[in-house]
């Protein structure tokens, strides 16, 4: 289990989050991502982003009045399923 604090990035945390999900988490490993809430839409966007990057959402909770915690598990099978679904929707 690894913890990543993205709060210092404000609303621009998606690039770093993608890098973490892609290269810093091993298949089956759990990651705790802490980011600044800002707008509540960041929560839904980050959960969808994690799913598209092959992660299962284990938990998503408000950390305090301005921060959010997203707990994910990297699953290479989910990534391949997401790719297949994207290809099917493009056809």
C-alpha atoms as a PDB file:
ATOM      1  CA  UNK A   1       0.000   0.000   0.000  1.00  0.00           C
ATOM      2  CA  UNK A   2       1.323   3.396  -1.017  1.00  0.00           C
ATOM      3  CA  UNK A   3       0.074   6.880  -0.174  1.00  0.00           C
ATOM      4  CA  UNK A   4       0.341   9.781  -2.617  1.00  0.00           C
ATOM      5  CA  UNK A   5      -0.363  13.365  -1.559  1.00  0.00           C
ATOM      6  CA  UNK A   6      -1.546  15.415  -4.548  1.00  0.00           C
ATOM      7  CA  UNK A   7      -3.019  18.308  -2.545  1.00  0.00           C
ATOM      8  CA  UNK A   8      -0.221  20.705  -3.499  1.00  0.00           C
ATOM      9  CA  UNK A   9      -1.323  20.437  -7.162  1.00  0.00           C
ATOM     10  CA  UNK A  10      -4.800  21.880  -6.555  1.00  0.00           C
ATOM     11  CA  UNK A  11      -7.224  21.004  -9.362  1.00  0.00           C
ATOM     12  CA  UNK A  12      -4.370  20.104 -11.761  1.00  0.00           C
ATOM     13  CA  UNK A  13      -3.643  16.691 -10.257  1.00  0.00           C
ATOM     14  CA  UNK A  14      -4.837  14.447 -13.128  1.00  0.00           C
ATOM     15  CA  UNK A  15      -1.494  14.284 -14.957  1.00  0.00           C
ATOM     16  CA  UNK A  16       0.362  13.258 -11.805  1.00  0.00           C
ATOM     17  CA  UNK A  17      -2.431  10.839 -10.875  1.00  0.00           C
ATOM     18  CA  UNK A  18      -2.132   9.179 -14.295  1.00  0.00           C
ATOM     19  CA  UNK A  19       1.636   8.859 -13.860  1.00  0.00           C
ATOM     20  CA  UNK A  20       1.150   7.248 -10.450  1.00  0.00           C
ATOM     21  CA  UNK A  21      -1.491   4.793 -11.660  1.00  0.00           C
ATOM     22  CA  UNK A  22       0.579   3.882 -14.712  1.00  0.00           C
ATOM     23  CA  UNK A  23       4.064   3.513 -13.279  1.00  0.00           C
ATOM     24  CA  UNK A  24       4.183   3.713  -9.483  1.00  0.00           C
ATOM     25  CA  UNK A  25       1.582   1.068  -8.589  1.00  0.00           C
ATOM     26  CA  UNK A  26       2.144  -2.605  -9.334  1.00  0.00           C
ATOM     27  CA  UNK A  27      -0.685  -4.914 -10.408  1.00  0.00           C
ATOM     28  CA  UNK A  28      -2.737  -5.780  -7.311  1.00  0.00           C
ATOM     29  CA  UNK A  29      -1.203  -2.996  -5.216  1.00  0.00           C
ATOM     30  CA  UNK A  30      -3.378  -0.531  -3.304  1.00  0.00           C
ATOM     31  CA  UNK A  31      -2.808   3.199  -3.598  1.00  0.00           C
ATOM     32  CA  UNK A  32      -4.204   5.991  -1.444  1.00  0.00           C
ATOM     33  CA  UNK A  33      -4.534   9.233  -3.388  1.00  0.00           C
ATOM     34  CA  UNK A  34      -5.131  12.406  -1.406  1.00  0.00           C
ATOM     35  CA  UNK A  35      -6.190  15.486  -3.378  1.00  0.00           C
ATOM     36  CA  UNK A  36      -7.764  18.884  -2.827  1.00  0.00           C
ATOM     37  CA  UNK A  37     -11.518  18.730  -3.231  1.00  0.00           C
ATOM     38  CA  UNK A  38     -11.990  22.142  -4.830  1.00  0.00           C
ATOM     39  CA  UNK A  39     -15.149  21.411  -6.810  1.00  0.00           C
ATOM     40  CA  UNK A  40     -17.061  18.238  -6.024  1.00  0.00           C
ATOM     41  CA  UNK A  41     -16.874  17.287  -9.727  1.00  0.00           C
ATOM     42  CA  UNK A  42     -13.181  16.452  -9.130  1.00  0.00           C
ATOM     43  CA  UNK A  43     -14.314  13.422  -7.105  1.00  0.00           C
ATOM     44  CA  UNK A  44     -16.375  11.907  -9.918  1.00  0.00           C
ATOM     45  CA  UNK A  45     -13.742  12.789 -12.525  1.00  0.00           C
ATOM     46  CA  UNK A  46     -10.929  11.221 -10.506  1.00  0.00           C
ATOM     47  CA  UNK A  47     -12.911   8.010  -9.904  1.00  0.00           C
ATOM     48  CA  UNK A  48     -13.718   7.699 -13.617  1.00  0.00           C
ATOM     49  CA  UNK A  49     -10.099   8.506 -14.495  1.00  0.00           C
ATOM     50  CA  UNK A  50      -8.854   5.765 -12.150  1.00  0.00           C
ATOM     51  CA  UNK A  51     -11.284   3.224 -13.644  1.00  0.00           C
ATOM     52  CA  UNK A  52     -10.156   4.082 -17.179  1.00  0.00           C
ATOM     53  CA  UNK A  53      -6.561   3.550 -16.044  1.00  0.00           C
ATOM     54  CA  UNK A  54      -7.224   0.009 -14.831  1.00  0.00           C
ATOM     55  CA  UNK A  55      -7.966   0.557 -11.160  1.00  0.00           C
ATOM     56  CA  UNK A  56     -10.746  -0.695  -8.946  1.00  0.00           C
ATOM     57  CA  UNK A  57     -12.171   1.937  -6.590  1.00  0.00           C
ATOM     58  CA  UNK A  58     -12.029   0.546  -3.056  1.00  0.00           C
ATOM     59  CA  UNK A  59     -13.081   3.685  -1.191  1.00  0.00           C
ATOM     60  CA  UNK A  60     -13.737   7.355  -1.775  1.00  0.00           C
ATOM     61  CA  UNK A  61     -14.153   9.536   1.310  1.00  0.00           C
ATOM     62  CA  UNK A  62     -13.911  13.117   2.418  1.00  0.00           C
ATOM     63  CA  UNK A  63     -10.673  13.503   4.400  1.00  0.00           C
ATOM     64  CA  UNK A  64     -11.521  16.889   5.912  1.00  0.00           C
ATOM     65  CA  UNK A  65     -13.452  19.985   4.821  1.00  0.00           C
ATOM     66  CA  UNK A  66     -11.222  20.619   1.778  1.00  0.00           C
ATOM     67  CA  UNK A  67      -9.482  17.311   0.908  1.00  0.00           C
ATOM     68  CA  UNK A  68     -10.600  13.968  -0.532  1.00  0.00           C
ATOM     69  CA  UNK A  69      -9.125  10.463  -0.319  1.00  0.00           C
ATOM     70  CA  UNK A  70      -9.468   7.943  -3.135  1.00  0.00           C
ATOM     71  CA  UNK A  71      -8.348   4.366  -2.428  1.00  0.00           C
ATOM     72  CA  UNK A  72      -7.703   2.226  -5.521  1.00  0.00           C
ATOM     73  CA  UNK A  73      -6.284  -1.167  -6.431  1.00  0.00           C
ATOM     74  CA  UNK A  74      -4.456  -1.519  -9.718  1.00  0.00           C
ATOM     75  CA  UNK A  75      -5.873  -4.370 -11.804  1.00  0.00           C
ATOM     76  CA  UNK A  76      -4.413  -4.995 -15.265  1.00  0.00           C
ATOM     77  CA  UNK A  77      -7.557  -6.947 -16.227  1.00  0.00           C
ATOM     78  CA  UNK A  78      -9.681  -3.827 -15.735  1.00  0.00           C
ATOM     79  CA  UNK A  79      -7.358  -1.819 -17.976  1.00  0.00           C
ATOM     80  CA  UNK A  80      -7.717  -4.314 -20.821  1.00  0.00           C
ATOM     81  CA  UNK A  81     -11.512  -4.393 -20.349  1.00  0.00           C
ATOM     82  CA  UNK A  82     -11.637  -0.586 -20.506  1.00  0.00           C
ATOM     83  CA  UNK A  83      -9.580  -0.624 -23.718  1.00  0.00           C
ATOM     84  CA  UNK A  84     -11.923  -3.218 -25.249  1.00  0.00           C
ATOM     85  CA  UNK A  85     -14.975  -1.157 -24.287  1.00  0.00           C
ATOM     86  CA  UNK A  86     -13.424   1.975 -25.844  1.00  0.00           C
ATOM     87  CA  UNK A  87     -12.706   0.113 -29.079  1.00  0.00           C
ATOM     88  CA  UNK A  88     -16.249  -1.274 -29.180  1.00  0.00           C
ATOM     89  CA  UNK A  89     -17.775   2.183 -28.663  1.00  0.00           C
ATOM     90  CA  UNK A  90     -15.665   3.604 -31.506  1.00  0.00           C
ATOM     91  CA  UNK A  91     -16.818   0.935 -33.971  1.00  0.00           C
END
